[in-house]
Protein backbone atom coordinates (compact mmCIF):
# COMPACT_ATOMS: atom_id res chain seq x y z
CA MET A 1 0.00 0.00 0.00
CA ARG A 2 2.88 2.33 0.46
CA LYS A 3 3.92 2.04 -3.17
CA ALA A 4 0.70 3.52 -4.62
CA PRO A 5 1.32 7.09 -3.36
CA ALA A 6 4.89 6.87 -4.63
CA LYS A 7 3.60 6.16 -8.14
CA ARG A 8 1.29 9.13 -7.96
CA SER A 9 4.13 11.44 -6.94
CA ASN A 10 6.34 10.04 -9.73
CA LEU A 11 3.57 10.69 -12.24
CA PHE A 12 3.07 14.21 -10.92
CA LEU A 13 6.82 14.88 -11.10
CA LEU A 14 6.98 13.58 -14.67
CA GLU A 15 4.02 15.77 -15.65
CA LEU A 16 5.68 18.79 -14.03
CA ILE A 17 8.95 18.13 -15.89
CA LEU A 18 7.10 17.84 -19.21
CA ALA A 19 5.21 21.10 -18.57
CA ILE A 20 8.48 22.91 -17.73
CA PHE A 21 10.12 21.46 -20.85
CA PHE A 22 7.17 22.56 -23.02
CA PHE A 23 7.21 26.13 -21.66
CA ALA A 24 10.99 26.36 -21.99
CA LEU A 25 10.75 25.22 -25.60
CA ALA A 26 7.94 27.68 -26.33
CA GLY A 27 9.95 30.48 -24.68
CA ALA A 28 13.01 29.68 -26.79
CA VAL A 29 10.96 29.75 -29.99
CA CYS A 30 9.32 33.06 -29.01
CA LEU A 31 12.69 34.59 -28.15
CA GLN A 32 14.10 33.54 -31.52
CA LEU A 33 11.07 35.08 -33.28
CA PHE A 34 11.53 38.37 -31.42
CA VAL A 35 15.21 38.51 -32.37
CA GLN A 36 14.38 37.86 -36.03
CA ALA A 37 11.66 40.52 -35.96
CA ARG A 38 14.06 43.09 -34.52
CA THR A 39 16.71 42.26 -37.13
CA LEU A 40 14.16 42.55 -39.92
CA SER A 41 12.93 45.86 -38.51
CA GLN A 42 16.47 47.26 -38.44
CA GLN A 43 17.13 46.14 -42.02
CA THR A 44 13.87 47.71 -43.19
CA HIS A 45 14.70 50.98 -41.43
CA ALA A 46 18.14 51.07 -43.06
CA ARG A 47 16.67 50.40 -46.51
CA ASN A 48 14.02 53.10 -46.07
CA GLN A 49 16.63 55.64 -44.95
CA ALA A 50 18.86 54.67 -47.87
CA LEU A 51 16.00 55.28 -50.28
CA VAL A 52 15.25 58.68 -48.73
CA CYS A 53 18.92 59.71 -49.03
CA ALA A 54 19.07 58.48 -52.63
CA LYS A 55 15.92 60.44 -53.53
CA ASN A 56 17.32 63.58 -51.90
CA VAL A 57 20.54 63.35 -53.91
CA SER A 58 18.53 62.59 -57.05
CA ALA A 59 16.45 65.74 -56.56
CA LEU A 60 19.59 67.82 -56.02
CA PHE A 61 21.16 66.29 -59.14
CA GLU A 62 18.12 67.32 -61.16
CA ALA A 63 18.00 70.78 -59.57
CA GLY A 64 21.66 71.29 -60.51
CA LYS A 65 20.86 70.32 -64.11
CA GLY A 66 23.21 67.38 -64.05
CA SER A 67 26.10 68.99 -62.23
CA PHE A 68 27.33 68.17 -58.76
CA SER A 69 27.22 71.81 -57.63
CA GLU A 70 23.90 71.65 -55.75
CA ILE A 71 24.86 68.38 -54.11
CA LEU A 72 28.26 69.69 -53.00
CA ARG A 73 26.60 72.81 -51.60
CA GLU A 74 24.17 70.70 -49.55
CA TYR A 75 26.78 68.09 -48.53
CA PRO A 76 30.08 69.91 -47.88
CA ASP A 77 31.85 66.69 -46.76
CA ALA A 78 31.05 64.96 -50.05
CA GLN A 79 33.97 63.98 -52.25
CA GLN A 80 34.00 64.33 -56.02
CA ARG A 81 36.38 62.58 -58.36
CA ASP A 82 35.70 62.89 -62.11
CA SER A 83 32.21 61.44 -62.64
CA LEU A 84 31.96 59.91 -59.15
CA LEU A 85 30.46 61.64 -56.11
CA THR A 86 30.71 60.05 -52.65
CA ILE A 87 28.72 61.01 -49.56
CA TYR A 88 29.32 59.39 -46.16
CA TYR A 89 26.63 58.87 -43.50
CA ASP A 90 26.97 57.93 -39.84
CA GLU A 91 24.80 55.48 -37.85
CA GLU A 92 22.05 58.10 -37.49
CA TRP A 93 22.03 58.79 -41.26
CA GLN A 94 23.61 62.20 -40.82
CA PRO A 95 26.22 63.29 -43.40
CA CYS A 96 29.72 62.88 -41.97
CA THR A 97 33.37 62.44 -42.88
CA LEU A 98 35.10 59.25 -43.97
CA GLU A 99 36.32 58.49 -40.43
CA GLN A 100 32.76 58.29 -39.02
CA GLU A 101 31.24 56.48 -42.01
CA THR A 102 28.70 53.70 -41.53
CA TYR A 103 26.81 54.07 -44.82
CA LEU A 104 28.12 55.15 -48.21
CA LEU A 105 26.22 56.85 -51.04
CA THR A 106 27.82 57.00 -54.48
CA LEU A 107 26.54 58.83 -57.54
CA THR A 108 28.23 57.60 -60.70
CA LEU A 109 27.56 59.36 -63.97
CA SER A 110 27.46 57.04 -66.94
CA GLU A 111 26.83 57.84 -70.57
CA SER A 112 25.24 60.94 -71.99
CA SER A 113 22.90 60.73 -74.92
CA TRP A 114 20.90 62.95 -77.19
CA GLU A 115 23.95 65.01 -78.02
CA GLU A 116 24.98 65.59 -74.40
CA HIS A 117 21.50 66.77 -73.31
CA LEU A 118 20.51 63.72 -71.27
CA LEU A 119 22.82 62.82 -68.40
CA LYS A 120 22.40 59.39 -66.84
CA GLY A 121 23.79 57.97 -63.65
CA GLU A 122 23.30 55.57 -60.79
CA ILE A 123 22.96 56.27 -57.09
CA GLN A 124 23.89 53.39 -54.82
CA VAL A 125 23.69 53.34 -51.03
CA THR A 126 25.58 50.61 -49.20
CA ASP A 127 26.45 49.65 -45.68
CA LYS A 128 29.72 47.91 -44.98
CA GLU A 129 28.42 44.58 -46.26
CA GLU A 130 25.74 44.93 -48.92
CA PRO A 131 23.91 47.40 -51.15
CA LEU A 132 20.79 48.81 -49.54
CA CYS A 133 19.40 50.80 -52.43
CA THR A 134 20.15 51.45 -56.11
CA LEU A 135 18.46 54.24 -58.02
CA ASP A 136 18.92 55.13 -61.68
CA VAL A 137 18.86 58.87 -62.33
CA SER A 138 18.74 61.00 -65.43
CA CYS A 139 18.57 64.70 -66.07
CA TYR A 140 17.58 66.42 -69.26
CA ILE A 141 19.43 69.62 -69.99
CA PRO A 142 17.24 71.68 -72.34
CA LEU A 143 18.59 73.49 -75.36
CA LYS A 144 19.20 77.20 -74.95
CA ALA A 145 17.76 79.70 -77.39
CA GLY A 146 19.82 79.75 -80.55
CA GLU A 147 21.08 76.19 -80.07
CA GLY A 148 19.64 73.24 -81.79
CA SER A 149 19.69 71.40 -84.98
């Protein structure tokens, strides 16, 4: 008769261990999902900010009629070399110098067409590992009075 209560306590202990195991497993899965959600949220934020920066530079490129002058006025730390313009951003997406750089925006001019009246280029924003955003840009430079064919 003494062995019957011992079996009940063993069964209760086994049930308790299974419940703890189940909740620990569910907690681990939930924790992994929260970490993945945070990582995805950070990546999405970086891509959105990259697109905003690319659009801003694209608008300045168009406002400057295909020259880098408006962009260099707005971003004094930007570096220009031939047909390549480079702008550095820090972790908070503020323009910065090369030493503080976390993100990199490059505007590369490619071919011109229509007798030098349509400038084309590509804006690419990258972090240290991968491209976040690529935007093709073009700017039409109208003919001045007296020009033309």
